[in-house]
Amino acid sequence: MVTLIVSIVSCAVCVLLFLFCYVKSKGRYDDYLEYVDKEEYGLKDFIPLGLALNDLELGQRFLPMQVRTSLAQYKNQVYQKILELHGPRDAEFYSYIHGGYRLVAGILAGTLLSIAGVILVLQGSSEGLVLSVAAVAALFAVPFLVDSSLNENLARRRLAIQMEFPEFVNKLTLLVNAGMTISKAWEKIINENKKDHVLYDEMRYALAEIKAGKPEGVAYEEFARRCRVKEVTKFVSVIVMNLKRGGSEVVPILRQQGNECWEMRKNAARQMGEQAGTKIMIPMMIMFLGIVLIVATPAILSMTEGM
């Protein structure tokens, strides 16, 4: 009886929270969803529910000051990751969307687990209570799991920059060696390259800032900060120093940078190969276990029949 009561209460909390957010969000956030990519946010259609809950700012009202301070610091860390992923122009928007997405993921997980828990309890299974408790835990834990996925996105972004950057450095070195200034070579590479790639997106943003009046050195430094790749930062320090001091020694230094970047690319490709090998091992092990079961099952059945 106690198990049934706990399961029903857990289910009621999750379902009522879902319905409350649905009513509060209906028709309020449609304009936001127009700019959200469903491939990036799989639960796009449910994001308004999370936005409605996020706008209530329950943590700001009921939590102690120390907890609110810790949460504010944590949110700032998440914002810095979103800032790197989407850039300063779109960071506020995607931070808002991510805030709703992480909450709705918890709501949906809790609702589904609580409903499954009630069904199992009604069927007499003891596992229903476990699911009901897990449903309440999911409301709080799943949003943090969603936040952790940002780390994987950042790793993929930085890896993409590492793989593409050596080719850019080589092109820039050739153009500068031919007599072009760094800014003209930078612009020429962008105009000739139509790739939809994060590196060239950041380069276009830096070029747009320069044309808007921002000092060239400052734009390059901000470009390096957005990329967050060690080799890019080192490369930018070279060209910024060249802008300040001038001189013809920049070409040999750029060549050296290019060689270092190619070594970086080789190491990154090696890491990708190792990761791919590890991922391949998992389905191979599953297949191996399946073969073992197929081969061993008849022998086990014959032994049990003999006994």
Protein backbone atom coordinates (compact mmCIF):
# COMPACT_ATOMS: atom_id res chain seq x y z
CA MET A 1 0.00 0.00 0.00
CA VAL A 2 2.82 2.40 0.92
CA THR A 3 4.57 1.58 -2.35
CA LEU A 4 1.43 2.43 -4.31
CA ILE A 5 0.96 5.73 -2.48
CA VAL A 6 4.58 6.77 -3.07
CA SER A 7 4.32 5.88 -6.77
CA ILE A 8 1.06 7.76 -7.23
CA VAL A 9 2.38 10.86 -5.43
CA SER A 10 5.55 10.80 -7.53
CA CYS A 11 3.52 10.43 -10.71
CA ALA A 12 1.10 13.18 -9.70
CA VAL A 13 3.95 15.64 -9.01
CA CYS A 14 5.61 14.98 -12.36
CA VAL A 15 2.40 14.99 -14.41
CA LEU A 16 1.03 18.12 -12.72
CA LEU A 17 4.34 19.90 -13.30
CA PHE A 18 4.20 18.86 -16.96
CA LEU A 19 0.61 20.10 -17.35
CA PHE A 20 1.33 23.35 -15.49
CA CYS A 21 4.28 24.13 -17.76
CA TYR A 22 2.23 23.22 -20.83
CA VAL A 23 -0.54 25.64 -19.89
CA LYS A 24 1.92 28.43 -18.99
CA SER A 25 3.89 28.02 -22.22
CA LYS A 26 1.11 27.57 -24.75
CA GLY A 27 1.60 30.04 -27.59
CA ARG A 28 4.16 32.17 -25.69
CA TYR A 29 7.44 30.96 -27.18
CA ASP A 30 6.61 30.11 -30.79
CA ASP A 31 8.83 32.92 -32.12
CA TYR A 32 11.86 31.48 -30.34
CA LEU A 33 11.43 28.02 -31.87
CA GLU A 34 11.78 29.39 -35.42
CA TYR A 35 15.52 29.83 -34.85
CA VAL A 36 16.13 26.49 -33.10
CA ASP A 37 17.62 23.57 -35.04
CA LYS A 38 15.91 20.26 -34.25
CA GLU A 39 19.10 18.33 -35.00
CA GLU A 40 20.85 20.20 -32.20
CA TYR A 41 17.85 20.18 -29.85
CA GLY A 42 15.98 16.90 -30.31
CA LEU A 43 13.20 17.94 -27.90
CA LYS A 44 12.61 21.19 -29.76
CA ASP A 45 8.79 20.94 -29.62
CA PHE A 46 8.86 20.67 -25.83
CA ILE A 47 11.32 23.51 -25.15
CA PRO A 48 8.52 26.04 -24.36
CA LEU A 49 7.61 23.97 -21.29
CA GLY A 50 11.12 24.35 -19.95
CA LEU A 51 11.22 28.05 -20.83
CA ALA A 52 8.01 28.63 -18.87
CA LEU A 53 9.47 26.90 -15.82
CA ASN A 54 12.76 28.75 -16.23
CA ASP A 55 10.99 32.12 -16.35
CA LEU A 56 9.39 31.44 -12.97
CA GLU A 57 12.87 31.66 -11.38
CA LEU A 58 11.87 29.42 -8.49
CA GLY A 59 15.47 29.14 -7.36
CA GLN A 60 15.68 32.89 -6.89
CA ARG A 61 12.66 32.86 -4.60
CA PHE A 62 12.92 29.84 -2.32
CA LEU A 63 16.57 28.73 -2.18
CA PRO A 64 19.05 29.98 0.45
CA MET A 65 21.50 32.69 -0.57
CA GLN A 66 24.52 30.37 -0.50
CA VAL A 67 22.81 27.88 -2.80
CA ARG A 68 21.74 30.68 -5.14
CA THR A 69 25.32 31.93 -5.29
CA SER A 70 26.61 28.45 -6.17
CA LEU A 71 23.96 28.09 -8.85
CA ALA A 72 24.85 31.50 -10.29
CA GLN A 73 28.50 30.45 -10.55
CA TYR A 74 27.48 27.19 -12.20
CA LYS A 75 25.23 29.02 -14.68
CA ASN A 76 28.11 31.32 -15.56
CA GLN A 77 30.29 28.28 -16.34
CA VAL A 78 27.56 26.91 -18.60
CA TYR A 79 27.20 30.31 -20.26
CA GLN A 80 30.94 30.42 -21.02
CA LYS A 81 30.63 27.08 -22.83
CA ILE A 82 27.64 28.32 -24.83
CA LEU A 83 29.56 31.52 -25.58
CA GLU A 84 32.36 29.45 -27.10
CA LEU A 85 29.95 27.26 -29.06
CA HIS A 86 27.72 29.99 -30.51
CA GLY A 87 29.75 33.17 -30.29
CA PRO A 88 29.01 36.48 -28.55
CA ARG A 89 26.31 37.46 -31.02
CA ASP A 90 24.03 34.47 -30.31
CA ALA A 91 25.19 33.43 -26.84
CA GLU A 92 22.32 35.12 -24.97
CA PHE A 93 19.68 33.50 -27.17
CA TYR A 94 21.15 30.00 -26.98
CA SER A 95 21.77 30.34 -23.26
CA TYR A 96 18.07 31.04 -22.83
CA ILE A 97 17.09 28.13 -25.10
CA HIS A 98 19.51 25.78 -23.34
CA GLY A 99 18.05 26.78 -19.98
CA GLY A 100 14.60 25.70 -21.14
CA TYR A 101 15.91 22.58 -22.89
CA ARG A 102 17.69 21.23 -19.81
CA LEU A 103 14.59 21.72 -17.64
CA VAL A 104 12.19 20.10 -20.07
CA ALA A 105 14.52 17.11 -20.41
CA GLY A 106 14.19 16.61 -16.65
CA ILE A 107 10.41 17.07 -16.74
CA LEU A 108 9.94 14.53 -19.53
CA ALA A 109 12.29 11.99 -17.95
CA GLY A 110 10.56 12.32 -14.58
CA THR A 111 7.08 12.08 -16.10
CA LEU A 112 7.82 8.98 -18.16
CA LEU A 113 9.61 7.21 -15.29
CA SER A 114 6.82 8.01 -12.83
CA ILE A 115 4.11 6.71 -15.17
CA ALA A 116 6.12 3.53 -15.77
CA GLY A 117 6.56 3.18 -11.99
CA VAL A 118 2.82 3.36 -11.32
CA ILE A 119 2.12 0.79 -14.03
CA LEU A 120 4.67 -1.65 -12.57
CA VAL A 121 3.35 -1.14 -9.02
CA LEU A 122 -0.21 -1.87 -10.18
CA GLN A 123 1.11 -5.04 -11.80
CA GLY A 124 2.64 -6.08 -8.48
CA SER A 125 6.27 -5.50 -9.38
CA SER A 126 8.65 -4.19 -6.73
CA GLU A 127 10.66 -2.35 -9.39
CA GLY A 128 7.88 0.22 -9.69
CA LEU A 129 8.95 1.93 -6.47
CA VAL A 130 12.50 2.22 -7.78
CA LEU A 131 11.26 3.92 -10.94
CA SER A 132 9.06 6.28 -8.94
CA VAL A 133 11.96 7.39 -6.80
CA ALA A 134 14.14 7.65 -9.89
CA ALA A 135 11.49 9.88 -11.49
CA VAL A 136 11.84 12.49 -8.74
CA ALA A 137 15.64 12.25 -8.92
CA ALA A 138 15.49 12.69 -12.71
CA LEU A 139 13.77 16.06 -12.32
CA PHE A 140 16.94 17.39 -10.70
CA ALA A 141 19.68 15.21 -12.20
CA VAL A 142 18.82 15.15 -15.91
CA PRO A 143 19.31 18.93 -16.41
CA PHE A 144 22.90 18.57 -15.20
CA LEU A 145 23.42 15.62 -17.56
CA VAL A 146 22.23 17.86 -20.41
CA ASP A 147 24.76 20.49 -19.33
CA SER A 148 27.54 17.91 -19.43
CA SER A 149 26.77 17.27 -23.11
CA LEU A 150 28.15 20.76 -23.81
CA ASN A 151 31.63 19.41 -23.04
CA GLU A 152 31.31 16.89 -25.88
CA ASN A 153 30.16 19.63 -28.25
CA LEU A 154 33.12 21.79 -27.26
CA ALA A 155 35.54 18.90 -27.80
CA ARG A 156 34.11 18.28 -31.29
CA ARG A 157 34.31 21.99 -32.12
CA ARG A 158 37.93 22.31 -31.04
CA LEU A 159 38.85 19.13 -32.89
CA ALA A 160 37.25 20.48 -36.08
CA ILE A 161 39.33 23.66 -35.75
CA GLN A 162 42.50 21.64 -35.15
CA MET A 163 41.89 19.55 -38.27
CA GLU A 164 41.25 22.54 -40.55
CA PHE A 165 43.67 25.11 -39.15
CA PRO A 166 46.96 23.78 -40.68
CA GLU A 167 45.60 24.16 -44.20
CA PHE A 168 44.64 27.77 -43.46
CA VAL A 169 48.10 28.56 -42.06
CA ASN A 170 49.77 27.13 -45.16
CA LYS A 171 47.60 29.24 -47.47
CA LEU A 172 48.20 32.36 -45.41
CA THR A 173 51.97 31.77 -45.42
CA LEU A 174 52.03 31.41 -49.22
CA LEU A 175 50.02 34.59 -49.75
CA VAL A 176 52.09 36.64 -47.28
CA ASN A 177 55.28 35.32 -48.86
CA ALA A 178 53.91 36.49 -52.24
CA GLY A 179 53.65 40.04 -50.91
CA MET A 180 50.15 40.30 -49.45
CA THR A 181 49.46 41.80 -46.07
CA ILE A 182 48.03 39.50 -43.44
CA SER A 183 44.61 41.18 -43.53
CA LYS A 184 44.39 40.94 -47.33
CA ALA A 185 45.51 37.31 -47.27
CA TRP A 186 42.97 36.61 -44.51
CA GLU A 187 40.17 38.14 -46.60
CA LYS A 188 41.25 36.34 -49.79
CA ILE A 189 41.21 32.94 -48.07
CA ILE A 190 37.73 33.59 -46.71
CA ASN A 191 36.35 34.77 -50.05
CA GLU A 192 37.76 31.77 -51.90
CA ASN A 193 36.60 29.25 -49.29
CA LYS A 194 32.88 28.53 -49.16
CA LYS A 195 33.08 25.76 -46.56
CA ASP A 196 30.46 25.72 -43.85
CA HIS A 197 33.07 25.23 -41.15
CA VAL A 198 33.42 26.63 -37.65
CA LEU A 199 36.94 27.94 -38.32
CA TYR A 200 35.90 29.96 -41.37
CA ASP A 201 32.79 31.18 -39.57
CA GLU A 202 35.02 32.61 -36.83
CA MET A 203 37.36 34.10 -39.44
CA ARG A 204 34.44 35.80 -41.21
CA TYR A 205 33.28 37.21 -37.88
CA ALA A 206 36.78 38.62 -37.21
CA LEU A 207 36.93 40.13 -40.70
CA ALA A 208 33.50 41.73 -40.24
CA GLU A 209 34.69 43.30 -36.97
CA ILE A 210 37.78 44.72 -38.68
CA LYS A 211 35.67 46.23 -41.46
CA ALA A 212 33.34 47.69 -38.82
CA GLY A 213 36.26 49.62 -37.34
CA LYS A 214 37.72 47.36 -34.66
CA PRO A 215 41.55 47.40 -34.50
CA GLU A 216 43.02 44.52 -36.47
CA GLY A 217 45.11 43.14 -33.62
CA VAL A 218 42.17 43.19 -31.21
CA ALA A 219 39.95 41.34 -33.71
CA TYR A 220 42.59 38.62 -34.15
CA GLU A 221 43.03 38.23 -30.40
CA GLU A 222 39.28 37.86 -29.90
CA PHE A 223 39.27 35.32 -32.74
CA ALA A 224 41.85 33.25 -30.80
CA ARG A 225 39.82 33.53 -27.58
CA ARG A 226 36.72 32.25 -29.36
CA CYS A 227 38.57 29.28 -30.86
CA ARG A 228 40.19 28.22 -27.55
CA VAL A 229 42.85 26.14 -29.33
CA LYS A 230 46.48 26.47 -28.22
CA GLU A 231 47.92 26.52 -31.74
CA VAL A 232 45.50 29.24 -32.85
CA THR A 233 46.45 31.38 -29.86
CA LYS A 234 50.16 30.94 -30.66
CA PHE A 235 49.57 31.80 -34.31
CA VAL A 236 47.62 34.95 -33.43
CA SER A 237 50.34 36.10 -31.05
CA VAL A 238 52.80 35.92 -33.98
CA ILE A 239 50.69 38.00 -36.36
CA VAL A 240 49.75 40.53 -33.67
CA MET A 241 53.42 40.98 -32.84
CA ASN A 242 54.13 41.45 -36.55
CA LEU A 243 51.45 44.13 -36.74
CA LYS A 244 53.05 45.99 -33.83
CA ARG A 245 56.69 45.66 -34.85
CA GLY A 246 56.64 44.96 -38.57
CA GLY A 247 59.52 43.18 -40.27
CA SER A 248 60.06 40.44 -42.81
CA GLU A 249 60.75 37.63 -40.35
CA VAL A 250 57.05 36.75 -40.11
CA VAL A 251 57.13 34.32 -43.08
CA PRO A 252 59.72 31.90 -41.57
CA ILE A 253 57.82 32.00 -38.26
CA LEU A 254 54.54 31.26 -40.07
CA ARG A 255 56.19 28.32 -41.83
CA GLN A 256 57.32 26.97 -38.49
CA GLN A 257 53.81 27.47 -37.14
CA GLY A 258 52.43 25.59 -40.13
CA ASN A 259 54.71 22.61 -39.44
CA GLU A 260 53.65 22.57 -35.79
CA CYS A 261 49.99 22.72 -36.82
CA TRP A 262 50.40 19.74 -39.14
CA GLU A 263 51.92 17.78 -36.25
CA MET A 264 48.92 18.84 -34.15
CA ARG A 265 46.61 17.58 -36.91
CA LYS A 266 48.41 14.22 -37.04
CA ASN A 267 48.04 13.81 -33.29
CA ALA A 268 44.35 14.77 -33.47
CA ALA A 269 43.78 12.27 -36.31
CA ARG A 270 45.58 9.59 -34.27
CA GLN A 271 43.31 10.28 -31.30
CA MET A 272 40.25 10.07 -33.54
CA GLY A 273 41.47 6.71 -34.84
CA GLU A 274 41.97 5.39 -31.31
CA GLN A 275 38.50 6.56 -30.29
CA ALA A 276 36.98 4.95 -33.38
CA GLY A 277 38.77 1.69 -32.56
CA THR A 278 37.35 1.77 -29.04
CA LYS A 279 33.83 2.38 -30.36
CA ILE A 280 34.16 -0.53 -32.81
CA MET A 281 35.12 -2.85 -29.96
CA ILE A 282 31.74 -2.41 -28.26
CA PRO A 283 29.56 -3.87 -31.08
CA MET A 284 32.22 -6.56 -31.64
CA MET A 285 31.96 -7.61 -28.00
CA ILE A 286 28.17 -7.67 -28.23
CA MET A 287 28.37 -9.86 -31.34
CA PHE A 288 30.90 -12.13 -29.61
CA LEU A 289 28.61 -12.56 -26.59
CA GLY A 290 25.71 -13.31 -28.93
CA ILE A 291 27.73 -16.02 -30.68
CA VAL A 292 28.78 -17.50 -27.33
CA LEU A 293 25.15 -17.64 -26.21
CA ILE A 294 24.05 -19.27 -29.47
CA VAL A 295 26.77 -21.90 -29.22
CA ALA A 296 26.50 -22.49 -25.47
CA THR A 297 22.71 -22.53 -25.09
CA PRO A 298 22.13 -25.99 -26.69
CA ALA A 299 24.91 -27.50 -24.55
CA ILE A 300 23.48 -25.98 -21.37
CA LEU A 301 19.96 -27.19 -22.24
CA SER A 302 21.17 -30.73 -22.95
CA MET A 303 23.03 -30.78 -19.59
CA THR A 304 19.95 -29.63 -17.70
CA GLU A 305 17.79 -32.23 -19.44
CA GLY A 306 20.27 -34.94 -18.50
CA MET A 307 20.15 -33.96 -14.85
